[in-house]
Amino acid sequence: MRTTRLREKIKKFLNERGQANTTEILEHVNSTMRHGTTPQQLGNVLSKDKDIRKIATTKRGGALSGRYEICVWTLREDERNPGLQG
């Protein structure tokens, strides 16, 4: 699978934080991985991974782009593990 390392990185981050929005996840991945990812690829991984679920949306306001919604993500209950190694 092409996105295995990306999925593992996201799950570890969400396990530590509990929940995070798409922008926070993107910033974490791009600052800790050598090649990072694009917003489009991240959105695909988040929406299609069975272990990650969307729990809410929140409004964001940008100076140039106006107001827009951003998703908040968390791990499914059965995937949370305080001893997750990675």
C-alpha atoms as a PDB file:
ATOM      1  CA  MET A   1       0.000   0.000   0.000  1.00  0.00           C
ATOM      2  CA  ARG A   2       1.400   3.380  -0.982  1.00  0.00           C
ATOM      3  CA  THR A   3       0.104   5.284   2.053  1.00  0.00           C
ATOM      4  CA  THR A   4       1.092   2.860   4.819  1.00  0.00           C
ATOM      5  CA  ARG A   5       3.626   5.150   6.519  1.00  0.00           C
ATOM      6  CA  LEU A   6       1.284   8.111   6.216  1.00  0.00           C
ATOM      7  CA  ARG A   7      -1.565   6.147   7.820  1.00  0.00           C
ATOM      8  CA  GLU A   8       0.670   4.994  10.672  1.00  0.00           C
ATOM      9  CA  LYS A   9       1.889   8.554  11.289  1.00  0.00           C
ATOM     10  CA  ILE A  10      -1.690   9.907  11.375  1.00  0.00           C
ATOM     11  CA  LYS A  11      -2.917   7.155  13.725  1.00  0.00           C
ATOM     12  CA  LYS A  12      -0.010   7.697  16.115  1.00  0.00           C
ATOM     13  CA  PHE A  13      -0.669  11.464  16.128  1.00  0.00           C
ATOM     14  CA  LEU A  14      -4.407  10.993  16.768  1.00  0.00           C
ATOM     15  CA  ASN A  15      -3.686   8.423  19.484  1.00  0.00           C
ATOM     16  CA  GLU A  16      -1.516  10.980  21.296  1.00  0.00           C
ATOM     17  CA  ARG A  17      -3.811  13.982  20.767  1.00  0.00           C
ATOM     18  CA  GLY A  18      -7.230  12.353  20.890  1.00  0.00           C
ATOM     19  CA  GLN A  19      -8.574  14.503  18.071  1.00  0.00           C
ATOM     20  CA  ALA A  20      -7.274  17.000  15.533  1.00  0.00           C
ATOM     21  CA  ASN A  21      -8.544  18.911  12.532  1.00  0.00           C
ATOM     22  CA  THR A  22      -7.326  18.350   8.999  1.00  0.00           C
ATOM     23  CA  THR A  23      -4.983  21.350   9.040  1.00  0.00           C
ATOM     24  CA  GLU A  24      -3.295  20.258  12.282  1.00  0.00           C
ATOM     25  CA  ILE A  25      -2.771  16.756  10.894  1.00  0.00           C
ATOM     26  CA  LEU A  26      -1.373  18.141   7.621  1.00  0.00           C
ATOM     27  CA  GLU A  27       1.071  20.417   9.460  1.00  0.00           C
ATOM     28  CA  HIS A  28       2.222  17.547  11.697  1.00  0.00           C
ATOM     29  CA  VAL A  29       2.740  15.142   8.794  1.00  0.00           C
ATOM     30  CA  ASN A  30       4.581  17.700   6.651  1.00  0.00           C
ATOM     31  CA  SER A  31       6.843  18.774   9.522  1.00  0.00           C
ATOM     32  CA  THR A  32       7.788  15.246  10.641  1.00  0.00           C
ATOM     33  CA  MET A  33       7.954  13.243   7.409  1.00  0.00           C
ATOM     34  CA  ARG A  34      10.675  13.699   4.830  1.00  0.00           C
ATOM     35  CA  HIS A  35       8.387  14.074   1.818  1.00  0.00           C
ATOM     36  CA  GLY A  36       5.118  14.984   3.524  1.00  0.00           C
ATOM     37  CA  THR A  37       1.803  14.847   1.709  1.00  0.00           C
ATOM     38  CA  THR A  38      -0.682  17.009  -0.163  1.00  0.00           C
ATOM     39  CA  PRO A  39      -4.005  18.183   1.293  1.00  0.00           C
ATOM     40  CA  GLN A  40      -5.845  16.101  -1.317  1.00  0.00           C
ATOM     41  CA  GLN A  41      -3.984  12.888  -0.494  1.00  0.00           C
ATOM     42  CA  LEU A  42      -4.452  13.499   3.241  1.00  0.00           C
ATOM     43  CA  GLY A  43      -8.191  14.007   2.769  1.00  0.00           C
ATOM     44  CA  ASN A  44      -8.442  10.740   0.836  1.00  0.00           C
ATOM     45  CA  VAL A  45      -6.560   8.808   3.523  1.00  0.00           C
ATOM     46  CA  LEU A  46      -8.623  10.309   6.358  1.00  0.00           C
ATOM     47  CA  SER A  47     -11.968   9.678   4.688  1.00  0.00           C
ATOM     48  CA  LYS A  48     -11.236   6.131   3.502  1.00  0.00           C
ATOM     49  CA  ASP A  49      -9.381   4.660   6.485  1.00  0.00           C
ATOM     50  CA  LYS A  50     -11.756   2.503   8.548  1.00  0.00           C
ATOM     51  CA  ASP A  51      -9.870   3.226  11.792  1.00  0.00           C
ATOM     52  CA  ILE A  52     -10.282   7.015  11.536  1.00  0.00           C
ATOM     53  CA  ARG A  53     -13.621   8.758  11.815  1.00  0.00           C
ATOM     54  CA  LYS A  54     -14.888  12.291  11.361  1.00  0.00           C
ATOM     55  CA  ILE A  55     -16.505  13.579  14.556  1.00  0.00           C
ATOM     56  CA  ALA A  56     -17.307  17.199  13.725  1.00  0.00           C
ATOM     57  CA  THR A  57     -16.766  20.159  11.464  1.00  0.00           C
ATOM     58  CA  THR A  58     -15.644  23.562  12.571  1.00  0.00           C
ATOM     59  CA  LYS A  59     -15.712  26.930  10.820  1.00  0.00           C
ATOM     60  CA  ARG A  60     -12.471  28.594   9.830  1.00  0.00           C
ATOM     61  CA  GLY A  61     -12.012  32.102   8.539  1.00  0.00           C
ATOM     62  CA  GLY A  62      -9.262  33.165   6.222  1.00  0.00           C
ATOM     63  CA  ALA A  63      -8.381  36.725   5.264  1.00  0.00           C
ATOM     64  CA  LEU A  64      -8.455  35.957   1.552  1.00  0.00           C
ATOM     65  CA  SER A  65     -10.569  32.827   1.306  1.00  0.00           C
ATOM     66  CA  GLY A  66     -13.501  33.803   3.522  1.00  0.00           C
ATOM     67  CA  ARG A  67     -15.142  31.308   5.871  1.00  0.00           C
ATOM     68  CA  TYR A  68     -14.999  27.576   5.275  1.00  0.00           C
ATOM     69  CA  GLU A  69     -15.602  24.329   7.160  1.00  0.00           C
ATOM     70  CA  ILE A  70     -12.815  22.027   8.282  1.00  0.00           C
ATOM     71  CA  CYS A  71     -13.250  18.452   9.573  1.00  0.00           C
ATOM     72  CA  VAL A  72     -12.221  17.200  13.008  1.00  0.00           C
ATOM     73  CA  TRP A  73     -10.924  13.604  13.150  1.00  0.00           C
ATOM     74  CA  THR A  74     -10.323  10.974  15.825  1.00  0.00           C
ATOM     75  CA  LEU A  75      -9.540   7.262  16.047  1.00  0.00           C
ATOM     76  CA  ARG A  76     -12.386   4.816  16.457  1.00  0.00           C
ATOM     77  CA  GLU A  77     -12.827   3.685  20.073  1.00  0.00           C
ATOM     78  CA  ASP A  78     -11.474   0.178  19.452  1.00  0.00           C
ATOM     79  CA  GLU A  79      -8.304   1.621  17.815  1.00  0.00           C
ATOM     80  CA  ARG A  80      -7.238   3.774  20.744  1.00  0.00           C
ATOM     81  CA  ASN A  81      -4.332   2.239  22.590  1.00  0.00           C
ATOM     82  CA  PRO A  82      -2.244   4.147  25.128  1.00  0.00           C
ATOM     83  CA  GLY A  83       0.706   1.816  24.491  1.00  0.00           C
ATOM     84  CA  LEU A  84       0.754   2.222  20.713  1.00  0.00           C
ATOM     85  CA  GLN A  85       4.318   2.042  19.484  1.00  0.00           C
ATOM     86  CA  GLY A  86       5.517   3.299  16.158  1.00  0.00           C
END
